[in-house]
């Protein structure tokens, strides 16, 4: 249980990091890539949360 919680925290932090980087960049291509990477981590967090119930 604690391991899943830690994993969720790490993946959420990574998603926030990539969203922040996407807001800072001016390149549309890089922005899209970073937002997609953040979305991937958000989906993984949702999947982990769904598996705990």
N, C-alpha and C. Protein backbone atom coordinates (compact mmCIF):
# COMPACT_ATOMS: atom_id res chain seq x y z
N UNK A 1 0.83 -1.19 0.00
CA UNK A 1 0.00 0.00 0.00
C UNK A 1 0.88 1.26 0.00
N UNK A 2 1.89 1.29 0.87
CA UNK A 2 2.76 2.46 0.94
C UNK A 2 3.57 2.61 -0.34
N UNK A 3 3.95 1.48 -0.93
CA UNK A 3 4.72 1.52 -2.17
C UNK A 3 3.89 2.12 -3.30
N UNK A 4 2.62 1.75 -3.37
CA UNK A 4 1.74 2.30 -4.40
C UNK A 4 1.54 3.80 -4.18
N UNK A 5 1.45 4.21 -2.93
CA UNK A 5 1.28 5.63 -2.62
C UNK A 5 2.51 6.42 -3.06
N UNK A 6 3.69 5.88 -2.79
CA UNK A 6 4.93 6.54 -3.19
C UNK A 6 5.01 6.63 -4.71
N UNK A 7 4.66 5.56 -5.38
CA UNK A 7 4.67 5.54 -6.84
C UNK A 7 3.72 6.59 -7.41
N UNK A 8 2.57 6.73 -6.80
CA UNK A 8 1.60 7.74 -7.23
C UNK A 8 2.16 9.14 -7.04
N UNK A 9 2.82 9.37 -5.91
CA UNK A 9 3.41 10.68 -5.65
C UNK A 9 4.50 11.01 -6.67
N UNK A 10 5.33 10.04 -6.98
CA UNK A 10 6.42 10.26 -7.92
C UNK A 10 5.87 10.55 -9.31
N UNK A 11 4.90 9.78 -9.75
CA UNK A 11 4.34 9.98 -11.08
C UNK A 11 3.59 11.31 -11.18
N UNK A 12 2.93 11.72 -10.11
CA UNK A 12 2.25 13.01 -10.09
C UNK A 12 3.28 14.15 -10.16
N UNK A 13 4.37 14.00 -9.44
CA UNK A 13 5.43 15.02 -9.47
C UNK A 13 6.04 15.12 -10.86
N UNK A 14 6.25 13.99 -11.50
CA UNK A 14 6.79 14.00 -12.86
C UNK A 14 5.82 14.67 -13.84
N UNK A 15 4.55 14.40 -13.69
CA UNK A 15 3.55 15.02 -14.56
C UNK A 15 3.56 16.54 -14.38
N UNK A 16 3.64 16.99 -13.13
CA UNK A 16 3.70 18.43 -12.85
C UNK A 16 4.96 19.04 -13.44
N UNK A 17 6.07 18.32 -13.35
CA UNK A 17 7.34 18.81 -13.89
C UNK A 17 7.23 19.02 -15.40
N UNK A 18 6.69 18.02 -16.11
CA UNK A 18 6.59 18.14 -17.56
C UNK A 18 5.57 19.18 -17.99
N UNK A 19 4.51 19.35 -17.23
CA UNK A 19 3.54 20.41 -17.53
C UNK A 19 4.18 21.78 -17.35
N UNK A 20 5.00 21.92 -16.32
CA UNK A 20 5.69 23.18 -16.08
C UNK A 20 6.67 23.48 -17.22
N UNK A 21 7.43 22.47 -17.62
CA UNK A 21 8.38 22.67 -18.72
C UNK A 21 7.66 23.01 -20.02
N UNK A 22 6.51 22.42 -20.24
CA UNK A 22 5.74 22.71 -21.45
C UNK A 22 5.27 24.16 -21.46
N UNK A 23 4.92 24.68 -20.29
CA UNK A 23 4.50 26.08 -20.22
C UNK A 23 5.67 27.03 -20.49
N UNK A 24 6.88 26.61 -20.17
CA UNK A 24 8.03 27.49 -20.33
C UNK A 24 8.57 27.55 -21.76
N UNK A 25 8.42 26.46 -22.50
CA UNK A 25 9.02 26.40 -23.83
C UNK A 25 8.21 27.19 -24.85
N UNK A 26 8.89 27.61 -25.90
CA UNK A 26 8.24 28.37 -26.97
C UNK A 26 8.00 27.53 -28.21
N UNK A 27 8.66 26.39 -28.29
CA UNK A 27 8.52 25.52 -29.44
C UNK A 27 7.22 24.73 -29.35
N UNK A 28 6.41 24.81 -30.39
CA UNK A 28 5.13 24.09 -30.39
C UNK A 28 5.34 22.58 -30.35
N UNK A 29 6.35 22.11 -31.09
CA UNK A 29 6.64 20.67 -31.12
C UNK A 29 7.07 20.18 -29.75
N UNK A 30 7.96 20.90 -29.12
CA UNK A 30 8.45 20.50 -27.78
C UNK A 30 7.31 20.60 -26.76
N UNK A 31 6.49 21.62 -26.89
CA UNK A 31 5.35 21.80 -25.98
C UNK A 31 4.41 20.60 -26.06
N UNK A 32 4.11 20.17 -27.28
CA UNK A 32 3.23 19.03 -27.49
C UNK A 32 3.84 17.76 -26.91
N UNK A 33 5.13 17.58 -27.12
CA UNK A 33 5.82 16.40 -26.61
C UNK A 33 5.79 16.36 -25.08
N UNK A 34 6.03 17.50 -24.45
CA UNK A 34 6.05 17.55 -22.98
C UNK A 34 4.65 17.36 -22.39
N UNK A 35 3.64 17.95 -23.02
CA UNK A 35 2.27 17.76 -22.52
C UNK A 35 1.84 16.29 -22.67
N UNK A 36 2.24 15.65 -23.76
CA UNK A 36 1.91 14.24 -23.94
C UNK A 36 2.61 13.37 -22.90
N UNK A 37 3.83 13.71 -22.57
CA UNK A 37 4.56 12.97 -21.54
C UNK A 37 3.88 13.14 -20.18
N UNK A 38 3.44 14.36 -19.89
CA UNK A 38 2.72 14.61 -18.63
C UNK A 38 1.41 13.84 -18.60
N UNK A 39 0.72 13.82 -19.73
CA UNK A 39 -0.55 13.09 -19.82
C UNK A 39 -0.35 11.60 -19.59
N UNK A 40 0.76 11.07 -20.09
CA UNK A 40 1.06 9.66 -19.88
C UNK A 40 1.19 9.35 -18.39
N UNK A 41 1.89 10.23 -17.65
CA UNK A 41 2.03 10.02 -16.20
C UNK A 41 0.70 10.20 -15.48
N UNK A 42 -0.13 11.13 -15.93
CA UNK A 42 -1.46 11.32 -15.32
C UNK A 42 -2.32 10.06 -15.50
N UNK A 43 -2.24 9.47 -16.68
CA UNK A 43 -2.99 8.23 -16.93
C UNK A 43 -2.50 7.10 -16.03
N UNK A 44 -1.18 7.02 -15.85
CA UNK A 44 -0.63 5.97 -14.99
C UNK A 44 -1.08 6.15 -13.55
N UNK A 45 -1.15 7.39 -13.09
CA UNK A 45 -1.63 7.67 -11.73
C UNK A 45 -3.09 7.25 -11.60
N UNK A 46 -3.89 7.57 -12.61
CA UNK A 46 -5.30 7.19 -12.58
C UNK A 46 -5.45 5.67 -12.56
N UNK A 47 -4.62 5.00 -13.33
CA UNK A 47 -4.66 3.54 -13.38
C UNK A 47 -4.26 2.94 -12.03
N UNK A 48 -3.25 3.50 -11.40
CA UNK A 48 -2.84 3.02 -10.07
C UNK A 48 -3.94 3.24 -9.05
N UNK A 49 -4.58 4.38 -9.11
CA UNK A 49 -5.67 4.67 -8.17
C UNK A 49 -6.85 3.76 -8.38
N UNK A 50 -7.10 3.42 -9.63
CA UNK A 50 -8.22 2.54 -9.94
C UNK A 50 -7.94 1.11 -9.44
N UNK A 51 -6.68 0.69 -9.50
CA UNK A 51 -6.31 -0.65 -9.08
C UNK A 51 -6.32 -0.85 -7.57
N UNK A 52 -6.27 0.24 -6.81
CA UNK A 52 -6.22 0.13 -5.35
C UNK A 52 -7.58 -0.16 -4.75
N UNK A 53 -8.65 0.18 -5.43
CA UNK A 53 -10.00 0.03 -4.87
C UNK A 53 -10.47 -1.40 -4.89
